[in-house]
Amino acid sequence: MKKQRAGVFIAFEGGDGAGKSTQAARLAAALESRGYTVLRTREPGGTPIGEKLRSLVLDHGNGEIDAHTEALIFAASRAAHATQVIRPALGRGEIVLTDRYIDSSVAYQGAGRSLGQDVVRSLNEWATSGLRPHLTVLLDVDPQLGRRRRTVGQAAEDRMESEADEFHDRIRAAFLDLAASRPASYLVLPAKLPVDELAAQILARVGTLLDVSIAAETQRAEPQPAVPGAATDGAGS
């Protein structure tokens, strides 16, 4: 019989080229070998509508996408992802590993696009009805290292990846600030470490999390924040 507890939600965050997908796959394999049921997913995407939105916002050739539109597309994809994929899996007692979540929008659109981190977070907390990860694994990568990694064997960078290093510098700083604001909820690791060493440290931290009873914390109802702009001049003002 497989070991199963209350659902656990883990997000992998970091700049492009940090190795999030690799580490999520390693963690999934390690947990499944120990009898856990694991769901791996990603953002933007994770649902049929989310995958279409992913192509729209990341592919070149879709015309100009301004910062506000970009933020709303990511939030729409995330709303579907949280409702259709993440919450049902947690309800089944699964461990959900997502490659990116709200922090990515706060970093990329809030800091990178200068829309404001607070308003972007409010938008996404409203879109997800306040669903937060139990743990966020932040792989901290230098933008230049990230660019070298992601261009190896890759035909071209997507819209976000192809932005200048200054853009990615702002994103990196925002991720680190987010982790520093809630250190108990984050595991921050240098992405330049060897893959095996990163995997071992992540598994050790997740093992500690799984040993703690979190049933009372999983999916508890939280007040839904007001729609950004409802009582102000609007997002990014």
C-alpha atoms as a PDB file:
ATOM      1  CA  MET A   1       0.000   0.000   0.000  1.00  0.00           C
ATOM      2  CA  LYS A   2       1.318   3.438  -0.905  1.00  0.00           C
ATOM      3  CA  LYS A   3       2.071   5.859   1.863  1.00  0.00           C
ATOM      4  CA  GLN A   4      -0.244   8.834   1.649  1.00  0.00           C
ATOM      5  CA  ARG A   5      -0.858  11.879   3.765  1.00  0.00           C
ATOM      6  CA  ALA A   6      -2.609  15.176   3.330  1.00  0.00           C
ATOM      7  CA  GLY A   7      -1.815  16.882   0.051  1.00  0.00           C
ATOM      8  CA  VAL A   8       1.428  18.840  -0.097  1.00  0.00           C
ATOM      9  CA  PHE A   9       2.089  21.694  -2.513  1.00  0.00           C
ATOM     10  CA  ILE A  10       5.681  22.510  -3.537  1.00  0.00           C
ATOM     11  CA  ALA A  11       6.672  25.199  -6.030  1.00  0.00           C
ATOM     12  CA  PHE A  12       9.995  25.450  -7.841  1.00  0.00           C
ATOM     13  CA  GLU A  13      11.039  29.006  -8.611  1.00  0.00           C
ATOM     14  CA  GLY A  14      14.027  30.812 -10.058  1.00  0.00           C
ATOM     15  CA  GLY A  15      15.262  32.582 -13.153  1.00  0.00           C
ATOM     16  CA  ASP A  16      15.360  31.038 -16.599  1.00  0.00           C
ATOM     17  CA  GLY A  17      18.036  28.357 -16.784  1.00  0.00           C
ATOM     18  CA  ALA A  18      18.052  27.671 -13.045  1.00  0.00           C
ATOM     19  CA  GLY A  19      17.322  23.961 -13.478  1.00  0.00           C
ATOM     20  CA  LYS A  20      13.821  23.902 -11.989  1.00  0.00           C
ATOM     21  CA  SER A  21      12.468  21.219 -14.322  1.00  0.00           C
ATOM     22  CA  THR A  22      15.459  18.966 -13.690  1.00  0.00           C
ATOM     23  CA  GLN A  23      15.126  19.220  -9.911  1.00  0.00           C
ATOM     24  CA  ALA A  24      11.347  18.785  -9.976  1.00  0.00           C
ATOM     25  CA  ALA A  25      11.816  15.581 -11.977  1.00  0.00           C
ATOM     26  CA  ARG A  26      14.487  14.325  -9.576  1.00  0.00           C
ATOM     27  CA  LEU A  27      12.305  15.038  -6.549  1.00  0.00           C
ATOM     28  CA  ALA A  28       9.269  13.388  -8.149  1.00  0.00           C
ATOM     29  CA  ALA A  29      11.247  10.227  -8.863  1.00  0.00           C
ATOM     30  CA  ALA A  30      12.654  10.113  -5.336  1.00  0.00           C
ATOM     31  CA  LEU A  31       9.234  10.557  -3.728  1.00  0.00           C
ATOM     32  CA  GLU A  32       7.519   8.048  -6.005  1.00  0.00           C
ATOM     33  CA  SER A  33      10.200   5.472  -5.167  1.00  0.00           C
ATOM     34  CA  ARG A  34       9.188   5.935  -1.532  1.00  0.00           C
ATOM     35  CA  GLY A  35       5.527   5.256  -2.276  1.00  0.00           C
ATOM     36  CA  TYR A  36       4.129   8.780  -2.627  1.00  0.00           C
ATOM     37  CA  THR A  37       1.748   9.837  -5.372  1.00  0.00           C
ATOM     38  CA  VAL A  38       3.236  12.860  -7.125  1.00  0.00           C
ATOM     39  CA  LEU A  39       1.774  15.237  -9.693  1.00  0.00           C
ATOM     40  CA  ARG A  40       4.264  17.296 -11.718  1.00  0.00           C
ATOM     41  CA  THR A  41       2.941  20.330 -13.530  1.00  0.00           C
ATOM     42  CA  ARG A  42       4.093  23.706 -14.835  1.00  0.00           C
ATOM     43  CA  GLU A  43       3.186  27.330 -15.401  1.00  0.00           C
ATOM     44  CA  PRO A  44       2.093  28.874 -17.554  1.00  0.00           C
ATOM     45  CA  GLY A  45       0.258  25.758 -18.639  1.00  0.00           C
ATOM     46  CA  GLY A  46      -0.873  22.666 -16.792  1.00  0.00           C
ATOM     47  CA  THR A  47      -4.349  22.753 -18.378  1.00  0.00           C
ATOM     48  CA  PRO A  48      -5.549  22.852 -22.007  1.00  0.00           C
ATOM     49  CA  ILE A  49      -6.378  26.564 -21.787  1.00  0.00           C
ATOM     50  CA  GLY A  50      -3.170  27.209 -19.872  1.00  0.00           C
ATOM     51  CA  GLU A  51      -1.049  25.609 -22.587  1.00  0.00           C
ATOM     52  CA  LYS A  52      -2.700  27.805 -25.216  1.00  0.00           C
ATOM     53  CA  LEU A  53      -2.065  30.878 -23.086  1.00  0.00           C
ATOM     54  CA  ARG A  54       1.553  29.721 -22.621  1.00  0.00           C
ATOM     55  CA  SER A  55       2.089  29.679 -26.357  1.00  0.00           C
ATOM     56  CA  LEU A  56       0.431  33.071 -26.727  1.00  0.00           C
ATOM     57  CA  VAL A  57       2.547  34.820 -24.107  1.00  0.00           C
ATOM     58  CA  LEU A  58       5.923  33.096 -24.592  1.00  0.00           C
ATOM     59  CA  ASP A  59       6.169  32.542 -28.333  1.00  0.00           C
ATOM     60  CA  HIS A  60       7.456  35.230 -30.633  1.00  0.00           C
ATOM     61  CA  GLY A  61       5.220  36.432 -33.461  1.00  0.00           C
ATOM     62  CA  ASN A  62       2.042  37.241 -31.525  1.00  0.00           C
ATOM     63  CA  GLY A  63       2.457  40.986 -31.849  1.00  0.00           C
ATOM     64  CA  GLU A  64       3.043  43.411 -29.031  1.00  0.00           C
ATOM     65  CA  ILE A  65       2.023  42.197 -25.583  1.00  0.00           C
ATOM     66  CA  ASP A  66       2.151  45.021 -23.081  1.00  0.00           C
ATOM     67  CA  ALA A  67       3.055  44.429 -19.446  1.00  0.00           C
ATOM     68  CA  HIS A  68      -0.511  44.598 -18.102  1.00  0.00           C
ATOM     69  CA  THR A  69      -1.800  42.155 -20.716  1.00  0.00           C
ATOM     70  CA  GLU A  70       1.109  39.829 -19.990  1.00  0.00           C
ATOM     71  CA  ALA A  71       0.360  39.851 -16.259  1.00  0.00           C
ATOM     72  CA  LEU A  72      -3.307  39.113 -16.866  1.00  0.00           C
ATOM     73  CA  ILE A  73      -2.523  36.215 -19.218  1.00  0.00           C
ATOM     74  CA  PHE A  74      -0.292  34.599 -16.604  1.00  0.00           C
ATOM     75  CA  ALA A  75      -2.952  35.134 -13.925  1.00  0.00           C
ATOM     76  CA  ALA A  76      -5.657  33.597 -16.131  1.00  0.00           C
ATOM     77  CA  SER A  77      -3.522  30.532 -16.774  1.00  0.00           C
ATOM     78  CA  ARG A  78      -2.800  30.252 -13.049  1.00  0.00           C
ATOM     79  CA  ALA A  79      -6.479  30.533 -12.111  1.00  0.00           C
ATOM     80  CA  ALA A  80      -7.327  27.535 -14.307  1.00  0.00           C
ATOM     81  CA  HIS A  81      -4.282  25.660 -13.048  1.00  0.00           C
ATOM     82  CA  ALA A  82      -5.159  26.141  -9.374  1.00  0.00           C
ATOM     83  CA  THR A  83      -8.831  25.271  -9.833  1.00  0.00           C
ATOM     84  CA  GLN A  84      -8.587  22.410 -12.318  1.00  0.00           C
ATOM     85  CA  VAL A  85      -5.304  20.739 -11.373  1.00  0.00           C
ATOM     86  CA  ILE A  86      -3.664  21.733  -8.095  1.00  0.00           C
ATOM     87  CA  ARG A  87      -6.629  21.832  -5.707  1.00  0.00           C
ATOM     88  CA  PRO A  88      -8.120  18.505  -6.919  1.00  0.00           C
ATOM     89  CA  ALA A  89      -4.723  16.785  -6.593  1.00  0.00           C
ATOM     90  CA  LEU A  90      -4.246  18.124  -3.069  1.00  0.00           C
ATOM     91  CA  GLY A  91      -7.738  16.956  -2.242  1.00  0.00           C
ATOM     92  CA  ARG A  92      -6.698  13.455  -3.321  1.00  0.00           C
ATOM     93  CA  GLY A  93      -3.743  13.639  -0.940  1.00  0.00           C
ATOM     94  CA  GLU A  94      -1.104  13.927  -3.648  1.00  0.00           C
ATOM     95  CA  ILE A  95       2.185  15.821  -3.599  1.00  0.00           C
ATOM     96  CA  VAL A  96       2.011  18.560  -6.232  1.00  0.00           C
ATOM     97  CA  LEU A  97       5.244  19.874  -7.733  1.00  0.00           C
ATOM     98  CA  THR A  98       4.846  22.906  -9.957  1.00  0.00           C
ATOM     99  CA  ASP A  99       7.508  24.510 -12.121  1.00  0.00           C
ATOM    100  CA  ARG A 100       6.677  28.174 -11.303  1.00  0.00           C
ATOM    101  CA  TYR A 101       3.782  29.714  -9.396  1.00  0.00           C
ATOM    102  CA  ILE A 102       2.767  33.156  -8.071  1.00  0.00           C
ATOM    103  CA  ASP A 103       6.313  34.222  -7.183  1.00  0.00           C
ATOM    104  CA  SER A 104       7.220  34.130 -10.865  1.00  0.00           C
ATOM    105  CA  SER A 105       4.575  36.719 -11.702  1.00  0.00           C
ATOM    106  CA  VAL A 106       5.603  38.873  -8.734  1.00  0.00           C
ATOM    107  CA  ALA A 107       9.224  38.721  -9.919  1.00  0.00           C
ATOM    108  CA  TYR A 108       8.766  38.905 -13.699  1.00  0.00           C
ATOM    109  CA  GLN A 109       5.797  41.242 -14.065  1.00  0.00           C
ATOM    110  CA  GLY A 110       5.929  42.973 -10.686  1.00  0.00           C
ATOM    111  CA  ALA A 111       9.677  43.678 -10.646  1.00  0.00           C
ATOM    112  CA  GLY A 112      10.899  42.879 -14.156  1.00  0.00           C
ATOM    113  CA  ARG A 113       8.091  44.792 -15.901  1.00  0.00           C
ATOM    114  CA  SER A 114       7.828  47.342 -13.059  1.00  0.00           C
ATOM    115  CA  LEU A 115       4.101  46.830 -12.523  1.00  0.00           C
ATOM    116  CA  GLY A 116       4.542  46.711  -8.754  1.00  0.00           C
ATOM    117  CA  GLN A 117       5.008  43.563  -6.728  1.00  0.00           C
ATOM    118  CA  ASP A 118       2.096  44.152  -4.348  1.00  0.00           C
ATOM    119  CA  VAL A 119      -0.500  44.646  -7.065  1.00  0.00           C
ATOM    120  CA  VAL A 120       0.689  41.626  -9.043  1.00  0.00           C
ATOM    121  CA  ARG A 121       0.593  39.463  -5.916  1.00  0.00           C
ATOM    122  CA  SER A 122      -2.930  40.672  -5.109  1.00  0.00           C
ATOM    123  CA  LEU A 123      -4.091  39.860  -8.634  1.00  0.00           C
ATOM    124  CA  ASN A 124      -2.730  36.325  -8.419  1.00  0.00           C
ATOM    125  CA  GLU A 125      -3.946  35.636  -4.898  1.00  0.00           C
ATOM    126  CA  TRP A 126      -7.404  36.628  -6.096  1.00  0.00           C
ATOM    127  CA  ALA A 127      -7.030  34.392  -9.171  1.00  0.00           C
ATOM    128  CA  THR A 128      -6.065  31.385  -7.028  1.00  0.00           C
ATOM    129  CA  SER A 129      -8.373  32.114  -4.068  1.00  0.00           C
ATOM    130  CA  GLY A 130      -5.353  32.395  -1.800  1.00  0.00           C
ATOM    131  CA  LEU A 131      -3.797  28.995  -2.549  1.00  0.00           C
ATOM    132  CA  ARG A 132      -0.139  29.041  -1.447  1.00  0.00           C
ATOM    133  CA  PRO A 133       2.617  26.400  -1.552  1.00  0.00           C
ATOM    134  CA  HIS A 134       3.683  24.704   1.662  1.00  0.00           C
ATOM    135  CA  LEU A 135       7.271  25.064   0.430  1.00  0.00           C
ATOM    136  CA  THR A 136       8.948  27.061  -2.325  1.00  0.00           C
ATOM    137  CA  VAL A 137      12.290  25.807  -3.622  1.00  0.00           C
ATOM    138  CA  LEU A 138      14.177  28.797  -5.034  1.00  0.00           C
ATOM    139  CA  LEU A 139      17.121  27.961  -7.282  1.00  0.00           C
ATOM    140  CA  ASP A 140      19.124  31.168  -7.381  1.00  0.00           C
ATOM    141  CA  VAL A 141      20.868  31.617 -10.724  1.00  0.00           C
ATOM    142  CA  ASP A 142      23.093  34.365 -12.057  1.00  0.00           C
ATOM    143  CA  PRO A 143      21.414  35.709 -15.223  1.00  0.00           C
ATOM    144  CA  GLN A 144      24.504  35.163 -17.363  1.00  0.00           C
ATOM    145  CA  LEU A 145      24.847  31.557 -16.215  1.00  0.00           C
ATOM    146  CA  GLY A 146      21.145  31.035 -16.859  1.00  0.00           C
ATOM    147  CA  ARG A 147      21.496  32.359 -20.400  1.00  0.00           C
ATOM    148  CA  ARG A 148      24.463  30.101 -21.135  1.00  0.00           C
ATOM    149  CA  ARG A 149      22.570  27.088 -19.853  1.00  0.00           C
ATOM    150  CA  ARG A 150      19.340  27.656 -21.733  1.00  0.00           C
ATOM    151  CA  THR A 151      20.968  28.406 -25.082  1.00  0.00           C
ATOM    152  CA  VAL A 152      22.815  25.079 -25.179  1.00  0.00           C
ATOM    153  CA  GLY A 153      20.995  22.932 -27.720  1.00  0.00           C
ATOM    154  CA  GLN A 154      18.087  25.391 -27.913  1.00  0.00           C
ATOM    155  CA  ALA A 155      17.150  26.964 -31.223  1.00  0.00           C
ATOM    156  CA  ALA A 156      16.020  30.296 -29.776  1.00  0.00           C
ATOM    157  CA  GLU A 157      15.031  31.941 -26.505  1.00  0.00           C
ATOM    158  CA  ASP A 158      11.361  32.693 -25.869  1.00  0.00           C
ATOM    159  CA  ARG A 159       9.973  36.190 -25.255  1.00  0.00           C
ATOM    160  CA  MET A 160      10.854  36.248 -21.575  1.00  0.00           C
ATOM    161  CA  GLU A 161      14.219  34.536 -21.877  1.00  0.00           C
ATOM    162  CA  SER A 162      15.367  36.913 -24.610  1.00  0.00           C
ATOM    163  CA  GLU A 163      15.046  39.992 -22.403  1.00  0.00           C
ATOM    164  CA  ALA A 164      18.274  41.820 -21.451  1.00  0.00           C
ATOM    165  CA  ASP A 165      20.341  40.761 -18.434  1.00  0.00           C
ATOM    166  CA  GLU A 166      19.167  43.877 -16.567  1.00  0.00           C
ATOM    167  CA  PHE A 167      15.610  42.532 -16.704  1.00  0.00           C
ATOM    168  CA  HIS A 168      16.761  39.198 -15.301  1.00  0.00           C
ATOM    169  CA  ASP A 169      18.821  40.965 -12.624  1.00  0.00           C
ATOM    170  CA  ARG A 170      15.638  42.613 -11.311  1.00  0.00           C
ATOM    171  CA  ILE A 171      13.890  39.261 -11.315  1.00  0.00           C
ATOM    172  CA  ARG A 172      16.683  37.592  -9.381  1.00  0.00           C
ATOM    173  CA  ALA A 173      16.645  40.316  -6.731  1.00  0.00           C
ATOM    174  CA  ALA A 174      12.860  40.051  -6.408  1.00  0.00           C
ATOM    175  CA  PHE A 175      12.999  36.270  -5.889  1.00  0.00           C
ATOM    176  CA  LEU A 176      15.607  36.666  -3.152  1.00  0.00           C
ATOM    177  CA  ASP A 177      13.563  39.388  -1.452  1.00  0.00           C
ATOM    178  CA  LEU A 178      10.484  37.144  -1.486  1.00  0.00           C
ATOM    179  CA  ALA A 179      12.422  34.316   0.126  1.00  0.00           C
ATOM    180  CA  ALA A 180      13.923  36.630   2.745  1.00  0.00           C
ATOM    181  CA  SER A 181      10.458  37.880   3.721  1.00  0.00           C
ATOM    182  CA  ARG A 182       9.215  34.364   4.644  1.00  0.00           C
ATOM    183  CA  PRO A 183      12.328  32.231   5.242  1.00  0.00           C
ATOM    184  CA  ALA A 184      10.474  29.348   6.898  1.00  0.00           C
ATOM    185  CA  SER A 185       8.501  28.763   3.690  1.00  0.00           C
ATOM    186  CA  TYR A 186      11.509  28.719   1.343  1.00  0.00           C
ATOM    187  CA  LEU A 187      14.533  26.611   0.556  1.00  0.00           C
ATOM    188  CA  VAL A 188      17.063  28.796  -1.277  1.00  0.00           C
ATOM    189  CA  LEU A 189      19.918  27.038  -3.061  1.00  0.00           C
ATOM    190  CA  PRO A 190      22.598  28.236  -5.504  1.00  0.00           C
ATOM    191  CA  ALA A 191      21.693  26.846  -8.924  1.00  0.00           C
ATOM    192  CA  LYS A 192      25.398  26.481  -9.763  1.00  0.00           C
ATOM    193  CA  LEU A 193      25.749  23.530  -7.351  1.00  0.00           C
ATOM    194  CA  PRO A 194      26.032  20.038  -8.900  1.00  0.00           C
ATOM    195  CA  VAL A 195      22.692  18.494  -9.850  1.00  0.00           C
ATOM    196  CA  ASP A 196      23.077  15.588  -7.433  1.00  0.00           C
ATOM    197  CA  GLU A 197      23.934  17.877  -4.529  1.00  0.00           C
ATOM    198  CA  LEU A 198      20.915  20.077  -5.196  1.00  0.00           C
ATOM    199  CA  ALA A 199      18.648  17.029  -5.442  1.00  0.00           C
ATOM    200  CA  ALA A 200      19.909  15.666  -2.116  1.00  0.00           C
ATOM    201  CA  GLN A 201      19.362  18.963  -0.290  1.00  0.00           C
ATOM    202  CA  ILE A 202      15.881  19.376  -1.737  1.00  0.00           C
ATOM    203  CA  LEU A 203      14.870  15.832  -0.823  1.00  0.00           C
ATOM    204  CA  ALA A 204      16.153  16.328   2.725  1.00  0.00           C
ATOM    205  CA  ARG A 205      14.104  19.513   3.167  1.00  0.00           C
ATOM    206  CA  VAL A 206      10.974  17.947   1.696  1.00  0.00           C
ATOM    207  CA  GLY A 207      11.465  14.917   3.950  1.00  0.00           C
ATOM    208  CA  THR A 208      11.355  17.240   6.944  1.00  0.00           C
ATOM    209  CA  LEU A 209       8.152  18.799   5.594  1.00  0.00           C
ATOM    210  CA  LEU A 210       6.472  15.430   5.124  1.00  0.00           C
ATOM    211  CA  ASP A 211       7.241  14.458   8.708  1.00  0.00           C
ATOM    212  CA  VAL A 212       5.213  17.404   9.986  1.00  0.00           C
ATOM    213  CA  SER A 213       1.443  17.146  10.257  1.00  0.00           C
ATOM    214  CA  ILE A 214       0.008  19.719   7.883  1.00  0.00           C
ATOM    215  CA  ALA A 215      -3.501  18.400   7.524  1.00  0.00           C
ATOM    216  CA  ALA A 216      -4.957  21.429   9.274  1.00  0.00           C
ATOM    217  CA  GLU A 217      -3.063  23.764   6.937  1.00  0.00           C
ATOM    218  CA  THR A 218      -3.925  22.111   3.639  1.00  0.00           C
ATOM    219  CA  GLN A 219      -6.594  23.889   1.654  1.00  0.00           C
ATOM    220  CA  ARG A 220      -7.966  25.834   4.584  1.00  0.00           C
ATOM    221  CA  ALA A 221     -10.323  28.572   3.552  1.00  0.00           C
ATOM    222  CA  GLU A 222      -8.771  32.000   3.313  1.00  0.00           C
ATOM    223  CA  PRO A 223     -10.454  35.333   2.650  1.00  0.00           C
ATOM    224  CA  GLN A 224     -10.277  36.236  -0.997  1.00  0.00           C
ATOM    225  CA  PRO A 225      -8.462  39.515  -1.615  1.00  0.00           C
ATOM    226  CA  ALA A 226     -10.341  42.171  -3.494  1.00  0.00           C
ATOM    227  CA  VAL A 227      -9.808  42.419  -7.232  1.00  0.00           C
ATOM    228  CA  PRO A 228      -6.850  44.769  -7.750  1.00  0.00           C
ATOM    229  CA  GLY A 229      -8.006  48.153  -8.897  1.00  0.00           C
ATOM    230  CA  ALA A 230     -11.515  47.841  -7.518  1.00  0.00           C
ATOM    231  CA  ALA A 231     -10.948  50.695  -5.124  1.00  0.00           C
ATOM    232  CA  THR A 232      -7.789  52.210  -6.594  1.00  0.00           C
ATOM    233  CA  ASP A 233      -6.594  53.642  -9.875  1.00  0.00           C
ATOM    234  CA  GLY A 234      -5.806  50.152 -11.174  1.00  0.00           C
ATOM    235  CA  ALA A 235      -2.969  47.668 -11.536  1.00  0.00           C
ATOM    236  CA  GLY A 236       0.464  49.106 -11.853  1.00  0.00           C
ATOM    237  CA  SER A 237      -0.640  52.636 -11.007  1.00  0.00           C
END
